[in-house]
């Protein structure tokens, strides 16, 4: 997959585990046998954010893909606006994600935390 698709954060103060729109999307993905997993914000050594219910959908960002088109058709209107209030589709290019590859090196976060 050269890009990841992520559902955006829920509003501040909401209990992401019980947000109806999030649960509906996850149920739809399961019914359509489309994989997904929880994901967090893009890591940033200048700030920390807690998990807010975001998920990564296991579908390549490929406009010719029928799986991508099915997800897009469920989540977005033809004009690109969201079909589901509070849910939006985001894509992160692999090269942008790889800017943080060094965060996965053994001991990176331990060394970073020593500076706090």
PDB file of N, CA and C in Angstrom:
ATOM      1  N   UNK A   1       0.858  -1.171   0.000  1.00  0.00           N
ATOM      2  CA  UNK A   1       0.000   0.000   0.000  1.00  0.00           C
ATOM      3  C   UNK A   1       0.901   1.229   0.000  1.00  0.00           C
ATOM      4  N   UNK A   2       0.681   2.116  -0.963  1.00  0.00           N
ATOM      5  CA  UNK A   2       1.547   3.294  -1.003  1.00  0.00           C
ATOM      6  C   UNK A   2       0.948   4.483  -0.281  1.00  0.00           C
ATOM      7  N   UNK A   3      -0.293   4.375   0.165  1.00  0.00           N
ATOM      8  CA  UNK A   3      -0.899   5.415   0.981  1.00  0.00           C
ATOM      9  C   UNK A   3      -1.837   4.744   1.960  1.00  0.00           C
ATOM     10  N   UNK A   4      -1.992   5.331   3.103  1.00  0.00           N
ATOM     11  CA  UNK A   4      -2.932   4.819   4.083  1.00  0.00           C
ATOM     12  C   UNK A   4      -4.152   5.713   4.107  1.00  0.00           C
ATOM     13  N   UNK A   5      -5.293   5.103   4.368  1.00  0.00           N
ATOM     14  CA  UNK A   5      -6.528   5.854   4.502  1.00  0.00           C
ATOM     15  C   UNK A   5      -6.882   5.871   5.974  1.00  0.00           C
ATOM     16  N   UNK A   6      -7.158   7.015   6.490  1.00  0.00           N
ATOM     17  CA  UNK A   6      -7.448   7.150   7.919  1.00  0.00           C
ATOM     18  C   UNK A   6      -8.740   7.913   8.120  1.00  0.00           C
ATOM     19  N   UNK A   7      -9.522   7.436   9.068  1.00  0.00           N
ATOM     20  CA  UNK A   7     -10.703   8.197   9.474  1.00  0.00           C
ATOM     21  C   UNK A   7     -10.264   9.184  10.528  1.00  0.00           C
ATOM     22  N   UNK A   8     -10.722  10.384  10.436  1.00  0.00           N
ATOM     23  CA  UNK A   8     -10.290  11.461  11.314  1.00  0.00           C
ATOM     24  C   UNK A   8     -10.752  11.333  12.751  1.00  0.00           C
ATOM     25  N   UNK A   9     -10.163  12.156  13.596  1.00  0.00           N
ATOM     26  CA  UNK A   9     -10.472  12.185  15.025  1.00  0.00           C
ATOM     27  C   UNK A   9     -11.894  12.610  15.287  1.00  0.00           C
ATOM     28  N   UNK A  10     -12.419  12.137  16.393  1.00  0.00           N
ATOM     29  CA  UNK A  10     -13.736  12.550  16.858  1.00  0.00           C
ATOM     30  C   UNK A  10     -13.601  13.865  17.616  1.00  0.00           C
ATOM     31  N   UNK A  11     -14.685  14.572  17.826  1.00  0.00           N
ATOM     32  CA  UNK A  11     -14.614  15.857  18.532  1.00  0.00           C
ATOM     33  C   UNK A  11     -14.019  15.707  19.931  1.00  0.00           C
ATOM     34  N   UNK A  12     -13.309  16.724  20.366  1.00  0.00           N
ATOM     35  CA  UNK A  12     -12.704  16.721  21.697  1.00  0.00           C
ATOM     36  C   UNK A  12     -13.772  16.454  22.752  1.00  0.00           C
ATOM     37  N   UNK A  13     -13.433  15.642  23.713  1.00  0.00           N
ATOM     38  CA  UNK A  13     -14.337  15.354  24.822  1.00  0.00           C
ATOM     39  C   UNK A  13     -15.288  14.205  24.555  1.00  0.00           C
ATOM     40  N   UNK A  14     -15.328  13.695  23.326  1.00  0.00           N
ATOM     41  CA  UNK A  14     -16.231  12.580  23.057  1.00  0.00           C
ATOM     42  C   UNK A  14     -15.556  11.267  23.455  1.00  0.00           C
ATOM     43  N   UNK A  15     -16.372  10.283  23.787  1.00  0.00           N
ATOM     44  CA  UNK A  15     -15.866   8.953  24.098  1.00  0.00           C
ATOM     45  C   UNK A  15     -15.806   8.183  22.792  1.00  0.00           C
ATOM     46  N   UNK A  16     -14.641   8.155  22.174  1.00  0.00           N
ATOM     47  CA  UNK A  16     -14.487   7.588  20.841  1.00  0.00           C
ATOM     48  C   UNK A  16     -15.017   6.164  20.738  1.00  0.00           C
ATOM     49  N   UNK A  17     -14.962   5.399  21.812  1.00  0.00           N
ATOM     50  CA  UNK A  17     -15.393   3.996  21.759  1.00  0.00           C
ATOM     51  C   UNK A  17     -16.893   3.839  21.567  1.00  0.00           C
ATOM     52  N   UNK A  18     -17.654   4.883  21.847  1.00  0.00           N
ATOM     53  CA  UNK A  18     -19.106   4.784  21.736  1.00  0.00           C
ATOM     54  C   UNK A  18     -19.701   5.717  20.694  1.00  0.00           C
ATOM     55  N   UNK A  19     -18.867   6.371  19.903  1.00  0.00           N
ATOM     56  CA  UNK A  19     -19.365   7.298  18.884  1.00  0.00           C
ATOM     57  C   UNK A  19     -20.093   6.485  17.804  1.00  0.00           C
ATOM     58  N   UNK A  20     -21.367   6.772  17.618  1.00  0.00           N
ATOM     59  CA  UNK A  20     -22.212   5.983  16.714  1.00  0.00           C
ATOM     60  C   UNK A  20     -21.683   5.955  15.288  1.00  0.00           C
ATOM     61  N   UNK A  21     -21.195   7.082  14.786  1.00  0.00           N
ATOM     62  CA  UNK A  21     -20.700   7.116  13.404  1.00  0.00           C
ATOM     63  C   UNK A  21     -19.474   6.220  13.241  1.00  0.00           C
ATOM     64  N   UNK A  22     -18.586   6.205  14.234  1.00  0.00           N
ATOM     65  CA  UNK A  22     -17.405   5.346  14.187  1.00  0.00           C
ATOM     66  C   UNK A  22     -17.824   3.883  14.194  1.00  0.00           C
ATOM     67  N   UNK A  23     -18.748   3.538  15.074  1.00  0.00           N
ATOM     68  CA  UNK A  23     -19.225   2.153  15.162  1.00  0.00           C
ATOM     69  C   UNK A  23     -19.913   1.725  13.868  1.00  0.00           C
ATOM     70  N   UNK A  24     -20.664   2.630  13.248  1.00  0.00           N
ATOM     71  CA  UNK A  24     -21.346   2.316  11.991  1.00  0.00           C
ATOM     72  C   UNK A  24     -20.337   2.052  10.873  1.00  0.00           C
ATOM     73  N   UNK A  25     -19.291   2.866  10.806  1.00  0.00           N
ATOM     74  CA  UNK A  25     -18.261   2.669   9.784  1.00  0.00           C
ATOM     75  C   UNK A  25     -17.575   1.331   9.999  1.00  0.00           C
ATOM     76  N   UNK A  26     -17.199   1.023  11.228  1.00  0.00           N
ATOM     77  CA  UNK A  26     -16.526  -0.244  11.518  1.00  0.00           C
ATOM     78  C   UNK A  26     -17.441  -1.420  11.185  1.00  0.00           C
ATOM     79  N   UNK A  27     -18.713  -1.318  11.499  1.00  0.00           N
ATOM     80  CA  UNK A  27     -19.665  -2.379  11.172  1.00  0.00           C
ATOM     81  C   UNK A  27     -19.757  -2.553   9.656  1.00  0.00           C
ATOM     82  N   UNK A  28     -19.832  -1.450   8.926  1.00  0.00           N
ATOM     83  CA  UNK A  28     -19.895  -1.521   7.465  1.00  0.00           C
ATOM     84  C   UNK A  28     -18.629  -2.169   6.904  1.00  0.00           C
ATOM     85  N   UNK A  29     -17.469  -1.795   7.422  1.00  0.00           N
ATOM     86  CA  UNK A  29     -16.215  -2.402   6.960  1.00  0.00           C
ATOM     87  C   UNK A  29     -16.225  -3.906   7.200  1.00  0.00           C
ATOM     88  N   UNK A  30     -16.665  -4.325   8.368  1.00  0.00           N
ATOM     89  CA  UNK A  30     -16.730  -5.764   8.666  1.00  0.00           C
ATOM     90  C   UNK A  30     -17.695  -6.473   7.723  1.00  0.00           C
ATOM     91  N   UNK A  31     -18.871  -5.894   7.515  1.00  0.00           N
ATOM     92  CA  UNK A  31     -19.863  -6.505   6.617  1.00  0.00           C
ATOM     93  C   UNK A  31     -19.326  -6.640   5.195  1.00  0.00           C
ATOM     94  N   UNK A  32     -18.461  -5.721   4.804  1.00  0.00           N
ATOM     95  CA  UNK A  32     -17.881  -5.740   3.465  1.00  0.00           C
ATOM     96  C   UNK A  32     -16.507  -6.405   3.421  1.00  0.00           C
ATOM     97  N   UNK A  33     -16.137  -7.045   4.526  1.00  0.00           N
ATOM     98  CA  UNK A  33     -14.875  -7.780   4.633  1.00  0.00           C
ATOM     99  C   UNK A  33     -13.673  -6.919   4.233  1.00  0.00           C
ATOM    100  N   UNK A  34     -13.675  -5.696   4.742  1.00  0.00           N
ATOM    101  CA  UNK A  34     -12.570  -4.766   4.526  1.00  0.00           C
ATOM    102  C   UNK A  34     -11.849  -4.591   5.852  1.00  0.00           C
ATOM    103  N   UNK A  35     -10.565  -4.880   5.859  1.00  0.00           N
ATOM    104  CA  UNK A  35      -9.776  -4.801   7.076  1.00  0.00           C
ATOM    105  C   UNK A  35      -9.577  -3.374   7.561  1.00  0.00           C
ATOM    106  N   UNK A  36      -9.372  -3.253   8.834  1.00  0.00           N
ATOM    107  CA  UNK A  36      -9.110  -1.958   9.453  1.00  0.00           C
ATOM    108  C   UNK A  36      -8.363  -2.214  10.755  1.00  0.00           C
ATOM    109  N   UNK A  37      -7.743  -1.192  11.265  1.00  0.00           N
ATOM    110  CA  UNK A  37      -7.098  -1.278  12.578  1.00  0.00           C
ATOM    111  C   UNK A  37      -7.022   0.125  13.180  1.00  0.00           C
ATOM    112  N   UNK A  38      -6.924   0.196  14.513  1.00  0.00           N
ATOM    113  CA  UNK A  38      -6.769   1.505  15.154  1.00  0.00           C
ATOM    114  C   UNK A  38      -5.445   2.145  14.740  1.00  0.00           C
ATOM    115  N   UNK A  39      -5.423   3.449  14.691  1.00  0.00           N
ATOM    116  CA  UNK A  39      -4.176   4.163  14.426  1.00  0.00           C
ATOM    117  C   UNK A  39      -4.220   5.478  15.186  1.00  0.00           C
ATOM    118  N   UNK A  40      -3.080   6.024  15.437  1.00  0.00           N
ATOM    119  CA  UNK A  40      -3.012   7.299  16.146  1.00  0.00           C
ATOM    120  C   UNK A  40      -2.624   8.418  15.203  1.00  0.00           C
ATOM    121  N   UNK A  41      -2.382   9.548  15.798  1.00  0.00           N
ATOM    122  CA  UNK A  41      -1.906  10.705  15.042  1.00  0.00           C
ATOM    123  C   UNK A  41      -0.518  10.400  14.478  1.00  0.00           C
ATOM    124  N   UNK A  42      -0.113  11.165  13.491  1.00  0.00           N
ATOM    125  CA  UNK A  42       1.259  11.077  13.016  1.00  0.00           C
ATOM    126  C   UNK A  42       2.141  11.542  14.171  1.00  0.00           C
ATOM    127  N   UNK A  43       3.117  10.726  14.532  1.00  0.00           N
ATOM    128  CA  UNK A  43       3.969  11.031  15.682  1.00  0.00           C
ATOM    129  C   UNK A  43       4.704  12.353  15.484  1.00  0.00           C
ATOM    130  N   UNK A  44       4.834  13.075  16.566  1.00  0.00           N
ATOM    131  CA  UNK A  44       5.487  14.376  16.551  1.00  0.00           C
ATOM    132  C   UNK A  44       6.260  14.514  17.862  1.00  0.00           C
ATOM    133  N   UNK A  45       7.550  14.732  17.769  1.00  0.00           N
ATOM    134  CA  UNK A  45       8.356  14.832  18.983  1.00  0.00           C
ATOM    135  C   UNK A  45       8.132  16.147  19.730  1.00  0.00           C
ATOM    136  N   UNK A  46       7.340  17.044  19.160  1.00  0.00           N
ATOM    137  CA  UNK A  46       7.053  18.314  19.823  1.00  0.00           C
ATOM    138  C   UNK A  46       5.729  18.327  20.575  1.00  0.00           C
ATOM    139  N   UNK A  47       4.941  17.272  20.420  1.00  0.00           N
ATOM    140  CA  UNK A  47       3.664  17.207  21.128  1.00  0.00           C
ATOM    141  C   UNK A  47       3.216  15.758  21.260  1.00  0.00           C
ATOM    142  N   UNK A  48       2.320  15.527  22.204  1.00  0.00           N
ATOM    143  CA  UNK A  48       1.759  14.194  22.418  1.00  0.00           C
ATOM    144  C   UNK A  48       0.243  14.315  22.331  1.00  0.00           C
ATOM    145  N   UNK A  49      -0.365  13.408  21.628  1.00  0.00           N
ATOM    146  CA  UNK A  49      -1.830  13.381  21.511  1.00  0.00           C
ATOM    147  C   UNK A  49      -2.323  12.004  21.893  1.00  0.00           C
ATOM    148  N   UNK A  50      -3.423  11.951  22.586  1.00  0.00           N
ATOM    149  CA  UNK A  50      -3.979  10.653  22.962  1.00  0.00           C
ATOM    150  C   UNK A  50      -4.825  10.111  21.817  1.00  0.00           C
ATOM    151  N   UNK A  51      -5.078   8.807  21.867  1.00  0.00           N
ATOM    152  CA  UNK A  51      -5.877   8.155  20.847  1.00  0.00           C
ATOM    153  C   UNK A  51      -7.294   8.703  20.885  1.00  0.00           C
ATOM    154  N   UNK A  52      -7.845   8.984  19.699  1.00  0.00           N
ATOM    155  CA  UNK A  52      -9.171   9.588  19.625  1.00  0.00           C
ATOM    156  C   UNK A  52     -10.116   8.808  18.718  1.00  0.00           C
ATOM    157  N   UNK A  53      -9.805   7.526  18.477  1.00  0.00           N
ATOM    158  CA  UNK A  53     -10.715   6.686  17.719  1.00  0.00           C
ATOM    159  C   UNK A  53     -10.409   6.543  16.242  1.00  0.00           C
ATOM    160  N   UNK A  54      -9.304   7.091  15.764  1.00  0.00           N
ATOM    161  CA  UNK A  54      -8.964   6.995  14.352  1.00  0.00           C
ATOM    162  C   UNK A  54      -8.730   5.538  13.964  1.00  0.00           C
ATOM    163  N   UNK A  55      -9.021   5.227  12.706  1.00  0.00           N
ATOM    164  CA  UNK A  55      -8.714   3.897  12.184  1.00  0.00           C
ATOM    165  C   UNK A  55      -8.040   4.031  10.824  1.00  0.00           C
ATOM    166  N   UNK A  56      -7.274   3.019  10.469  1.00  0.00           N
ATOM    167  CA  UNK A  56      -6.697   2.882   9.135  1.00  0.00           C
ATOM    168  C   UNK A  56      -7.505   1.810   8.434  1.00  0.00           C
ATOM    169  N   UNK A  57      -7.924   2.094   7.231  1.00  0.00           N
ATOM    170  CA  UNK A  57      -8.665   1.135   6.420  1.00  0.00           C
ATOM    171  C   UNK A  57      -7.676   0.449   5.497  1.00  0.00           C
ATOM    172  N   UNK A  58      -7.713  -0.871   5.470  1.00  0.00           N
ATOM    173  CA  UNK A  58      -6.744  -1.663   4.712  1.00  0.00           C
ATOM    174  C   UNK A  58      -7.149  -1.763   3.241  1.00  0.00           C
ATOM    175  N   UNK A  59      -7.125  -0.620   2.582  1.00  0.00           N
ATOM    176  CA  UNK A  59      -7.440  -0.524   1.155  1.00  0.00           C
ATOM    177  C   UNK A  59      -6.430   0.436   0.542  1.00  0.00           C
ATOM    178  N   UNK A  60      -5.732   0.011  -0.505  1.00  0.00           N
ATOM    179  CA  UNK A  60      -4.788   0.934  -1.145  1.00  0.00           C
ATOM    180  C   UNK A  60      -5.498   2.155  -1.715  1.00  0.00           C
ATOM    181  N   UNK A  61      -4.823   3.292  -1.637  1.00  0.00           N
ATOM    182  CA  UNK A  61      -5.345   4.515  -2.254  1.00  0.00           C
ATOM    183  C   UNK A  61      -5.076   4.403  -3.744  1.00  0.00           C
ATOM    184  N   UNK A  62      -6.057   3.853  -4.448  1.00  0.00           N
ATOM    185  CA  UNK A  62      -5.941   3.632  -5.885  1.00  0.00           C
ATOM    186  C   UNK A  62      -7.324   3.868  -6.469  1.00  0.00           C
ATOM    187  N   UNK A  63      -7.492   4.950  -7.173  1.00  0.00           N
ATOM    188  CA  UNK A  63      -8.811   5.318  -7.675  1.00  0.00           C
ATOM    189  C   UNK A  63      -9.392   4.294  -8.640  1.00  0.00           C
ATOM    190  N   UNK A  64      -8.559   3.411  -9.196  1.00  0.00           N
ATOM    191  CA  UNK A  64      -9.053   2.364 -10.099  1.00  0.00           C
ATOM    192  C   UNK A  64      -9.495   1.114  -9.338  1.00  0.00           C
ATOM    193  N   UNK A  65      -9.204   1.045  -8.062  1.00  0.00           N
ATOM    194  CA  UNK A  65      -9.528  -0.135  -7.257  1.00  0.00           C
ATOM    195  C   UNK A  65     -11.015  -0.178  -6.919  1.00  0.00           C
ATOM    196  N   UNK A  66     -11.679  -1.302  -7.159  1.00  0.00           N
ATOM    197  CA  UNK A  66     -13.092  -1.400  -6.769  1.00  0.00           C
ATOM    198  C   UNK A  66     -13.276  -1.329  -5.251  1.00  0.00           C
ATOM    199  N   UNK A  67     -12.303  -1.803  -4.490  1.00  0.00           N
ATOM    200  CA  UNK A  67     -12.396  -1.715  -3.027  1.00  0.00           C
ATOM    201  C   UNK A  67     -12.319  -0.266  -2.571  1.00  0.00           C
ATOM    202  N   UNK A  68     -11.379   0.483  -3.155  1.00  0.00           N
ATOM    203  CA  UNK A  68     -11.265   1.901  -2.825  1.00  0.00           C
ATOM    204  C   UNK A  68     -12.543   2.637  -3.210  1.00  0.00           C
ATOM    205  N   UNK A  69     -13.076   2.345  -4.391  1.00  0.00           N
ATOM    206  CA  UNK A  69     -14.299   3.002  -4.850  1.00  0.00           C
ATOM    207  C   UNK A  69     -15.483   2.670  -3.931  1.00  0.00           C
ATOM    208  N   UNK A  70     -15.543   1.438  -3.427  1.00  0.00           N
ATOM    209  CA  UNK A  70     -16.618   1.054  -2.509  1.00  0.00           C
ATOM    210  C   UNK A  70     -16.516   1.856  -1.216  1.00  0.00           C
ATOM    211  N   UNK A  71     -15.303   1.957  -0.661  1.00  0.00           N
ATOM    212  CA  UNK A  71     -15.097   2.736   0.570  1.00  0.00           C
ATOM    213  C   UNK A  71     -15.421   4.209   0.316  1.00  0.00           C
ATOM    214  N   UNK A  72     -14.907   4.733  -0.774  1.00  0.00           N
ATOM    215  CA  UNK A  72     -15.147   6.134  -1.105  1.00  0.00           C
ATOM    216  C   UNK A  72     -16.642   6.409  -1.271  1.00  0.00           C
ATOM    217  N   UNK A  73     -17.339   5.510  -1.944  1.00  0.00           N
ATOM    218  CA  UNK A  73     -18.768   5.678  -2.148  1.00  0.00           C
ATOM    219  C   UNK A  73     -19.564   5.629  -0.857  1.00  0.00           C
ATOM    220  N   UNK A  74     -19.081   4.850   0.104  1.00  0.00           N
ATOM    221  CA  UNK A  74     -19.754   4.784   1.403  1.00  0.00           C
ATOM    222  C   UNK A  74     -19.497   6.037   2.237  1.00  0.00           C
ATOM    223  N   UNK A  75     -18.271   6.532   2.199  1.00  0.00           N
ATOM    224  CA  UNK A  75     -17.881   7.616   3.091  1.00  0.00           C
ATOM    225  C   UNK A  75     -18.084   9.014   2.524  1.00  0.00           C
ATOM    226  N   UNK A  76     -18.049   9.160   1.207  1.00  0.00           N
ATOM    227  CA  UNK A  76     -18.105  10.504   0.632  1.00  0.00           C
ATOM    228  C   UNK A  76     -19.215  10.649  -0.394  1.00  0.00           C
ATOM    229  N   UNK A  77     -19.729  11.852  -0.487  1.00  0.00           N
ATOM    230  CA  UNK A  77     -20.653  12.233  -1.549  1.00  0.00           C
ATOM    231  C   UNK A  77     -19.847  12.457  -2.827  1.00  0.00           C
ATOM    232  N   UNK A  78     -20.517  12.483  -3.981  1.00  0.00           N
ATOM    233  CA  UNK A  78     -19.783  12.715  -5.241  1.00  0.00           C
ATOM    234  C   UNK A  78     -18.954  13.998  -5.252  1.00  0.00           C
ATOM    235  N   UNK A  79     -19.360  15.015  -4.475  1.00  0.00           N
ATOM    236  CA  UNK A  79     -18.600  16.271  -4.442  1.00  0.00           C
ATOM    237  C   UNK A  79     -17.421  16.230  -3.472  1.00  0.00           C
ATOM    238  N   UNK A  80     -17.197  15.071  -2.823  1.00  0.00           N
ATOM    239  CA  UNK A  80     -16.077  14.926  -1.896  1.00  0.00           C
ATOM    240  C   UNK A  80     -16.413  15.236  -0.453  1.00  0.00           C
ATOM    241  N   UNK A  81     -17.610  15.738  -0.195  1.00  0.00           N
ATOM    242  CA  UNK A  81     -18.008  16.006   1.194  1.00  0.00           C
ATOM    243  C   UNK A  81     -18.358  14.691   1.887  1.00  0.00           C
ATOM    244  N   UNK A  82     -18.307  14.710   3.186  1.00  0.00           N
ATOM    245  CA  UNK A  82     -18.567  13.505   3.970  1.00  0.00           C
ATOM    246  C   UNK A  82     -20.050  13.150   3.958  1.00  0.00           C
ATOM    247  N   UNK A  83     -20.343  11.867   3.777  1.00  0.00           N
ATOM    248  CA  UNK A  83     -21.723  11.377   3.875  1.00  0.00           C
ATOM    249  C   UNK A  83     -22.152  11.244   5.331  1.00  0.00           C
ATOM    250  N   UNK A  84     -21.173  11.050   6.224  1.00  0.00           N
ATOM    251  CA  UNK A  84     -21.458  10.748   7.618  1.00  0.00           C
ATOM    252  C   UNK A  84     -20.899  11.882   8.482  1.00  0.00           C
ATOM    253  N   UNK A  85     -21.760  12.621   9.177  1.00  0.00           N
ATOM    254  CA  UNK A  85     -21.266  13.715  10.024  1.00  0.00           C
ATOM    255  C   UNK A  85     -20.214  13.226  11.028  1.00  0.00           C
ATOM    256  N   UNK A  86     -19.127  13.980  11.132  1.00  0.00           N
ATOM    257  CA  UNK A  86     -18.062  13.645  12.073  1.00  0.00           C
ATOM    258  C   UNK A  86     -17.062  12.624  11.557  1.00  0.00           C
ATOM    259  N   UNK A  87     -17.241  12.157  10.328  1.00  0.00           N
ATOM    260  CA  UNK A  87     -16.318  11.175   9.738  1.00  0.00           C
ATOM    261  C   UNK A  87     -15.738  11.782   8.475  1.00  0.00           C
ATOM    262  N   UNK A  88     -14.441  11.698   8.327  1.00  0.00           N
ATOM    263  CA  UNK A  88     -13.826  12.153   7.096  1.00  0.00           C
ATOM    264  C   UNK A  88     -12.682  11.231   6.748  1.00  0.00           C
ATOM    265  N   UNK A  89     -12.401  11.169   5.463  1.00  0.00           N
ATOM    266  CA  UNK A  89     -11.393  10.288   4.906  1.00  0.00           C
ATOM    267  C   UNK A  89     -10.122  11.090   4.681  1.00  0.00           C
ATOM    268  N   UNK A  90      -9.010  10.586   5.173  1.00  0.00           N
ATOM    269  CA  UNK A  90      -7.719  11.240   5.001  1.00  0.00           C
ATOM    270  C   UNK A  90      -6.752  10.243   4.390  1.00  0.00           C
ATOM    271  N   UNK A  91      -5.852  10.708   3.581  1.00  0.00           N
ATOM    272  CA  UNK A  91      -4.830   9.847   2.992  1.00  0.00           C
ATOM    273  C   UNK A  91      -3.455  10.427   3.309  1.00  0.00           C
ATOM    274  N   UNK A  92      -2.532   9.544   3.632  1.00  0.00           N
ATOM    275  CA  UNK A  92      -1.160   9.941   3.926  1.00  0.00           C
ATOM    276  C   UNK A  92      -0.253   9.186   2.973  1.00  0.00           C
ATOM    277  N   UNK A  93       0.475   9.920   2.162  1.00  0.00           N
ATOM    278  CA  UNK A  93       1.394   9.281   1.223  1.00  0.00           C
ATOM    279  C   UNK A  93       2.508   8.578   1.988  1.00  0.00           C
ATOM    280  N   UNK A  94       2.967   7.467   1.419  1.00  0.00           N
ATOM    281  CA  UNK A  94       4.008   6.678   2.066  1.00  0.00           C
ATOM    282  C   UNK A  94       5.261   7.505   2.320  1.00  0.00           C
ATOM    283  N   UNK A  95       5.671   8.319   1.376  1.00  0.00           N
ATOM    284  CA  UNK A  95       6.892   9.103   1.593  1.00  0.00           C
ATOM    285  C   UNK A  95       6.720  10.078   2.754  1.00  0.00           C
ATOM    286  N   UNK A  96       5.523  10.599   2.953  1.00  0.00           N
ATOM    287  CA  UNK A  96       5.277  11.475   4.112  1.00  0.00           C
ATOM    288  C   UNK A  96       5.328  10.659   5.400  1.00  0.00           C
ATOM    289  N   UNK A  97       4.749   9.477   5.383  1.00  0.00           N
ATOM    290  CA  UNK A  97       4.778   8.613   6.566  1.00  0.00           C
ATOM    291  C   UNK A  97       6.210   8.191   6.897  1.00  0.00           C
ATOM    292  N   UNK A  98       7.008   7.996   5.886  1.00  0.00           N
ATOM    293  CA  UNK A  98       8.382   7.548   6.096  1.00  0.00           C
ATOM    294  C   UNK A  98       9.266   8.637   6.696  1.00  0.00           C
ATOM    295  N   UNK A  99       8.791   9.871   6.741  1.00  0.00           N
ATOM    296  CA  UNK A  99       9.550  10.932   7.409  1.00  0.00           C
ATOM    297  C   UNK A  99       9.781  10.593   8.876  1.00  0.00           C
ATOM    298  N   UNK A 100       8.923   9.766   9.445  1.00  0.00           N
ATOM    299  CA  UNK A 100       9.050   9.383  10.851  1.00  0.00           C
ATOM    300  C   UNK A 100       9.557   7.966  11.035  1.00  0.00           C
ATOM    301  N   UNK A 101      10.123   7.355  10.024  1.00  0.00           N
ATOM    302  CA  UNK A 101      10.584   5.973  10.131  1.00  0.00           C
ATOM    303  C   UNK A 101      11.596   5.796  11.263  1.00  0.00           C
ATOM    304  N   UNK A 102      12.384   6.821  11.535  1.00  0.00           N
ATOM    305  CA  UNK A 102      13.379   6.733  12.608  1.00  0.00           C
ATOM    306  C   UNK A 102      12.720   6.562  13.981  1.00  0.00           C
ATOM    307  N   UNK A 103      11.441   6.899  14.103  1.00  0.00           N
ATOM    308  CA  UNK A 103      10.733   6.696  15.374  1.00  0.00           C
ATOM    309  C   UNK A 103      10.593   5.220  15.717  1.00  0.00           C
ATOM    310  N   UNK A 104      10.713   4.352  14.706  1.00  0.00           N
ATOM    311  CA  UNK A 104      10.581   2.912  14.923  1.00  0.00           C
ATOM    312  C   UNK A 104      11.903   2.245  15.294  1.00  0.00           C
ATOM    313  N   UNK A 105      12.976   2.983  15.293  1.00  0.00           N
ATOM    314  CA  UNK A 105      14.269   2.407  15.667  1.00  0.00           C
ATOM    315  C   UNK A 105      14.261   2.046  17.146  1.00  0.00           C
ATOM    316  N   UNK A 106      14.875   0.911  17.495  1.00  0.00           N
ATOM    317  CA  UNK A 106      14.902   0.508  18.913  1.00  0.00           C
ATOM    318  C   UNK A 106      15.464   1.612  19.803  1.00  0.00           C
ATOM    319  N   UNK A 107      14.736   1.912  20.864  1.00  0.00           N
ATOM    320  CA  UNK A 107      15.186   2.880  21.852  1.00  0.00           C
ATOM    321  C   UNK A 107      14.894   4.326  21.517  1.00  0.00           C
ATOM    322  N   UNK A 108      14.326   4.621  20.331  1.00  0.00           N
ATOM    323  CA  UNK A 108      14.095   6.012  19.954  1.00  0.00           C
ATOM    324  C   UNK A 108      13.270   6.739  20.998  1.00  0.00           C
ATOM    325  N   UNK A 109      12.090   6.200  21.366  1.00  0.00           N
ATOM    326  CA  UNK A 109      11.194   6.902  22.283  1.00  0.00           C
ATOM    327  C   UNK A 109      11.750   6.946  23.704  1.00  0.00           C
ATOM    328  N   UNK A 110      12.521   5.945  24.085  1.00  0.00           N
ATOM    329  CA  UNK A 110      13.153   5.970  25.407  1.00  0.00           C
ATOM    330  C   UNK A 110      14.173   7.102  25.477  1.00  0.00           C
ATOM    331  N   UNK A 111      14.982   7.232  24.425  1.00  0.00           N
ATOM    332  CA  UNK A 111      15.962   8.333  24.381  1.00  0.00           C
ATOM    333  C   UNK A 111      15.248   9.679  24.338  1.00  0.00           C
ATOM    334  N   UNK A 112      14.170   9.765  23.583  1.00  0.00           N
ATOM    335  CA  UNK A 112      13.397  11.000  23.495  1.00  0.00           C
ATOM    336  C   UNK A 112      12.844  11.376  24.860  1.00  0.00           C
ATOM    337  N   UNK A 113      12.308  10.390  25.604  1.00  0.00           N
ATOM    338  CA  UNK A 113      11.689  10.657  26.917  1.00  0.00           C
ATOM    339  C   UNK A 113      12.726  11.110  27.946  1.00  0.00           C
ATOM    340  N   UNK A 114      13.971  10.718  27.776  1.00  0.00           N
ATOM    341  CA  UNK A 114      15.008  11.145  28.706  1.00  0.00           C
ATOM    342  C   UNK A 114      15.159  12.659  28.696  1.00  0.00           C
ATOM    343  N   UNK A 115      14.792  13.298  27.594  1.00  0.00           N
ATOM    344  CA  UNK A 115      14.933  14.741  27.489  1.00  0.00           C
ATOM    345  C   UNK A 115      13.766  15.514  28.091  1.00  0.00           C
ATOM    346  N   UNK A 116      12.772  14.821  28.603  1.00  0.00           N
ATOM    347  CA  UNK A 116      11.620  15.527  29.180  1.00  0.00           C
ATOM    348  C   UNK A 116      11.916  16.059  30.550  1.00  0.00           C
TER     349      UNK A 116
END
